[in-house]
C-alpha atoms as a PDB file:
ATOM      1  CA  MET A   1      -3.924  19.702 -94.091  1.00  0.00           C
ATOM      2  CA  TRP A   2      -3.853  19.114 -90.435  1.00  0.00           C
ATOM      3  CA  LEU A   3      -0.493  17.343 -90.793  1.00  0.00           C
ATOM      4  CA  LEU A   4       1.092  20.504 -92.189  1.00  0.00           C
ATOM      5  CA  LEU A   5      -0.241  22.573 -89.549  1.00  0.00           C
ATOM      6  CA  ILE A   6       1.236  20.425 -86.909  1.00  0.00           C
ATOM      7  CA  SER A   7       4.491  20.291 -88.662  1.00  0.00           C
ATOM      8  CA  LEU A   8       4.462  24.120 -89.146  1.00  0.00           C
ATOM      9  CA  PHE A   9       3.954  24.385 -85.277  1.00  0.00           C
ATOM     10  CA  GLY A  10       6.618  21.771 -84.550  1.00  0.00           C
ATOM     11  CA  LEU A  11       9.086  23.942 -86.844  1.00  0.00           C
ATOM     12  CA  LEU A  12       8.196  27.281 -85.469  1.00  0.00           C
ATOM     13  CA  VAL A  13       7.549  26.817 -81.691  1.00  0.00           C
ATOM     14  CA  PRO A  14      10.192  24.444 -80.431  1.00  0.00           C
ATOM     15  CA  ASN A  15      12.838  25.502 -83.008  1.00  0.00           C
ATOM     16  CA  GLY A  16      11.990  29.143 -82.541  1.00  0.00           C
ATOM     17  CA  LEU A  17      12.718  28.918 -78.795  1.00  0.00           C
ATOM     18  CA  PHE A  18      15.904  26.955 -79.925  1.00  0.00           C
ATOM     19  CA  ILE A  19      17.023  29.813 -82.492  1.00  0.00           C
ATOM     20  CA  HIS A  20      16.192  32.446 -80.087  1.00  0.00           C
ATOM     21  CA  TRP A  21      18.403  30.938 -77.372  1.00  0.00           C
ATOM     22  CA  LEU A  22      21.127  30.450 -80.046  1.00  0.00           C
ATOM     23  CA  PHE A  23      21.335  34.205 -80.902  1.00  0.00           C
ATOM     24  CA  THR A  24      20.638  35.597 -77.454  1.00  0.00           C
ATOM     25  CA  SER A  25      22.025  33.259 -74.770  1.00  0.00           C
ATOM     26  CA  TYR A  26      24.441  30.953 -76.318  1.00  0.00           C
ATOM     27  CA  SER A  27      27.656  31.010 -74.423  1.00  0.00           C
ATOM     28  CA  GLY A  28      29.458  28.022 -76.273  1.00  0.00           C
ATOM     29  CA  LEU A  29      29.168  24.004 -75.819  1.00  0.00           C
ATOM     30  CA  GLY A  30      30.317  23.870 -72.191  1.00  0.00           C
ATOM     31  CA  PRO A  31      27.187  24.822 -70.545  1.00  0.00           C
ATOM     32  CA  VAL A  32      25.174  22.591 -72.758  1.00  0.00           C
ATOM     33  CA  LEU A  33      27.437  19.433 -71.890  1.00  0.00           C
ATOM     34  CA  ASP A  34      27.258  20.351 -68.316  1.00  0.00           C
ATOM     35  CA  ASP A  35      23.378  20.555 -68.422  1.00  0.00           C
ATOM     36  CA  HIS A  36      22.326  16.761 -67.705  1.00  0.00           C
ATOM     37  CA  LEU A  37      18.766  17.314 -68.306  1.00  0.00           C
ATOM     38  CA  ALA A  38      19.329  18.945 -71.698  1.00  0.00           C
ATOM     39  CA  LEU A  39      21.763  16.059 -72.670  1.00  0.00           C
ATOM     40  CA  GLY A  40      18.966  13.356 -71.675  1.00  0.00           C
ATOM     41  CA  PHE A  41      16.612  15.175 -73.928  1.00  0.00           C
ATOM     42  CA  ILE A  42      19.091  15.244 -76.819  1.00  0.00           C
ATOM     43  CA  LEU A  43      19.854  11.682 -76.437  1.00  0.00           C
ATOM     44  CA  ASP A  44      16.183  10.722 -76.042  1.00  0.00           C
ATOM     45  CA  ALA A  45      15.442  12.518 -79.359  1.00  0.00           C
ATOM     46  CA  PHE A  46      18.327  11.023 -81.314  1.00  0.00           C
ATOM     47  CA  LEU A  47      17.445   7.449 -80.169  1.00  0.00           C
ATOM     48  CA  ALA A  48      13.643   8.000 -81.108  1.00  0.00           C
ATOM     49  CA  MET A  49      14.909   9.378 -84.457  1.00  0.00           C
ATOM     50  CA  GLY A  50      17.033   6.384 -84.972  1.00  0.00           C
ATOM     51  CA  LEU A  51      14.476   3.900 -84.073  1.00  0.00           C
ATOM     52  CA  LEU A  52      11.945   5.445 -86.267  1.00  0.00           C
ATOM     53  CA  ALA A  53      14.489   5.619 -89.296  1.00  0.00           C
ATOM     54  CA  TYR A  54      15.156   1.995 -88.782  1.00  0.00           C
ATOM     55  CA  ASN A  55      11.459   1.388 -88.712  1.00  0.00           C
ATOM     56  CA  PHE A  56      11.013   3.233 -91.895  1.00  0.00           C
ATOM     57  CA  SER A  57      13.784   1.540 -93.564  1.00  0.00           C
ATOM     58  CA  ARG A  58      12.201  -1.696 -92.816  1.00  0.00           C
ATOM     59  CA  ARG A  59       8.645  -0.855 -93.303  1.00  0.00           C
ATOM     60  CA  PRO A  60       8.444   2.066 -95.652  1.00  0.00           C
ATOM     61  CA  ILE A  61       5.126   4.199 -95.340  1.00  0.00           C
ATOM     62  CA  GLY A  62       5.304   5.622 -98.838  1.00  0.00           C
ATOM     63  CA  PRO A  63       7.702   6.631-101.673  1.00  0.00           C
ATOM     64  CA  VAL A  64       9.538   8.926 -99.830  1.00  0.00           C
ATOM     65  CA  ARG A  65      12.548   6.979 -98.191  1.00  0.00           C
ATOM     66  CA  TRP A  66      13.801   7.087 -94.786  1.00  0.00           C
ATOM     67  CA  PRO A  67      17.112   9.200 -95.249  1.00  0.00           C
ATOM     68  CA  TRP A  68      14.792  12.022 -95.939  1.00  0.00           C
ATOM     69  CA  PHE A  69      13.241  11.422 -92.307  1.00  0.00           C
ATOM     70  CA  ILE A  70      16.687  12.007 -90.808  1.00  0.00           C
ATOM     71  CA  VAL A  71      17.350  15.105 -92.697  1.00  0.00           C
ATOM     72  CA  LEU A  72      13.960  16.620 -91.684  1.00  0.00           C
ATOM     73  CA  SER A  73      14.543  15.457 -88.081  1.00  0.00           C
ATOM     74  CA  VAL A  74      17.981  17.378 -88.020  1.00  0.00           C
ATOM     75  CA  ILE A  75      16.437  20.421 -89.355  1.00  0.00           C
ATOM     76  CA  GLY A  76      13.383  20.885 -87.501  1.00  0.00           C
ATOM     77  CA  GLY A  77      13.239  18.109 -84.759  1.00  0.00           C
ATOM     78  CA  LEU A  78      10.599  15.268 -84.349  1.00  0.00           C
ATOM     79  CA  GLY A  79       7.677  17.545 -83.872  1.00  0.00           C
ATOM     80  CA  PHE A  80       8.250  18.763 -87.367  1.00  0.00           C
ATOM     81  CA  SER A  81       9.836  15.640 -89.277  1.00  0.00           C
ATOM     82  CA  LEU A  82       7.084  13.189 -88.230  1.00  0.00           C
ATOM     83  CA  PRO A  83       3.973  14.920 -89.383  1.00  0.00           C
ATOM     84  CA  PHE A  84       5.924  16.490 -92.483  1.00  0.00           C
ATOM     85  CA  TYR A  85       7.381  13.031 -93.316  1.00  0.00           C
ATOM     86  CA  TRP A  86       3.878  11.356 -93.126  1.00  0.00           C
ATOM     87  CA  TRP A  87       2.227  14.138 -95.073  1.00  0.00           C
ATOM     88  CA  LEU A  88       4.997  13.906 -97.896  1.00  0.00           C
ATOM     89  CA  ASN A  89       4.100  10.087 -98.048  1.00  0.00           C
ATOM     90  CA  ASP A  90       0.443  10.410 -98.005  1.00  0.00           C
ATOM     91  CA  ARG A  91       0.469  13.014-100.830  1.00  0.00           C
ATOM     92  CA  ARG A  92       2.577  11.068-103.075  1.00  0.00           C
ATOM     93  CA  ALA A  93       0.619   7.618-102.327  1.00  0.00           C
END
């Protein structure tokens, strides 16, 4: 149950901030691409997602396959996808 709570927090809080920004302050991709700190965080998150997906493809943690981890990561970020993917695999094991 605690994994679901962590994944819910990861989905609502960081992604809630992103959705709020998207609807209230988004002014195109130009300012995003000019923000080097944001680009660093985006690159870091995608590298971490790729490394984790590679690891899950080589050493599966359960019956739910690694492509679902990538889908969950794109939908809700690593704060959501890691605990939810872990819960999905624990639940079905």
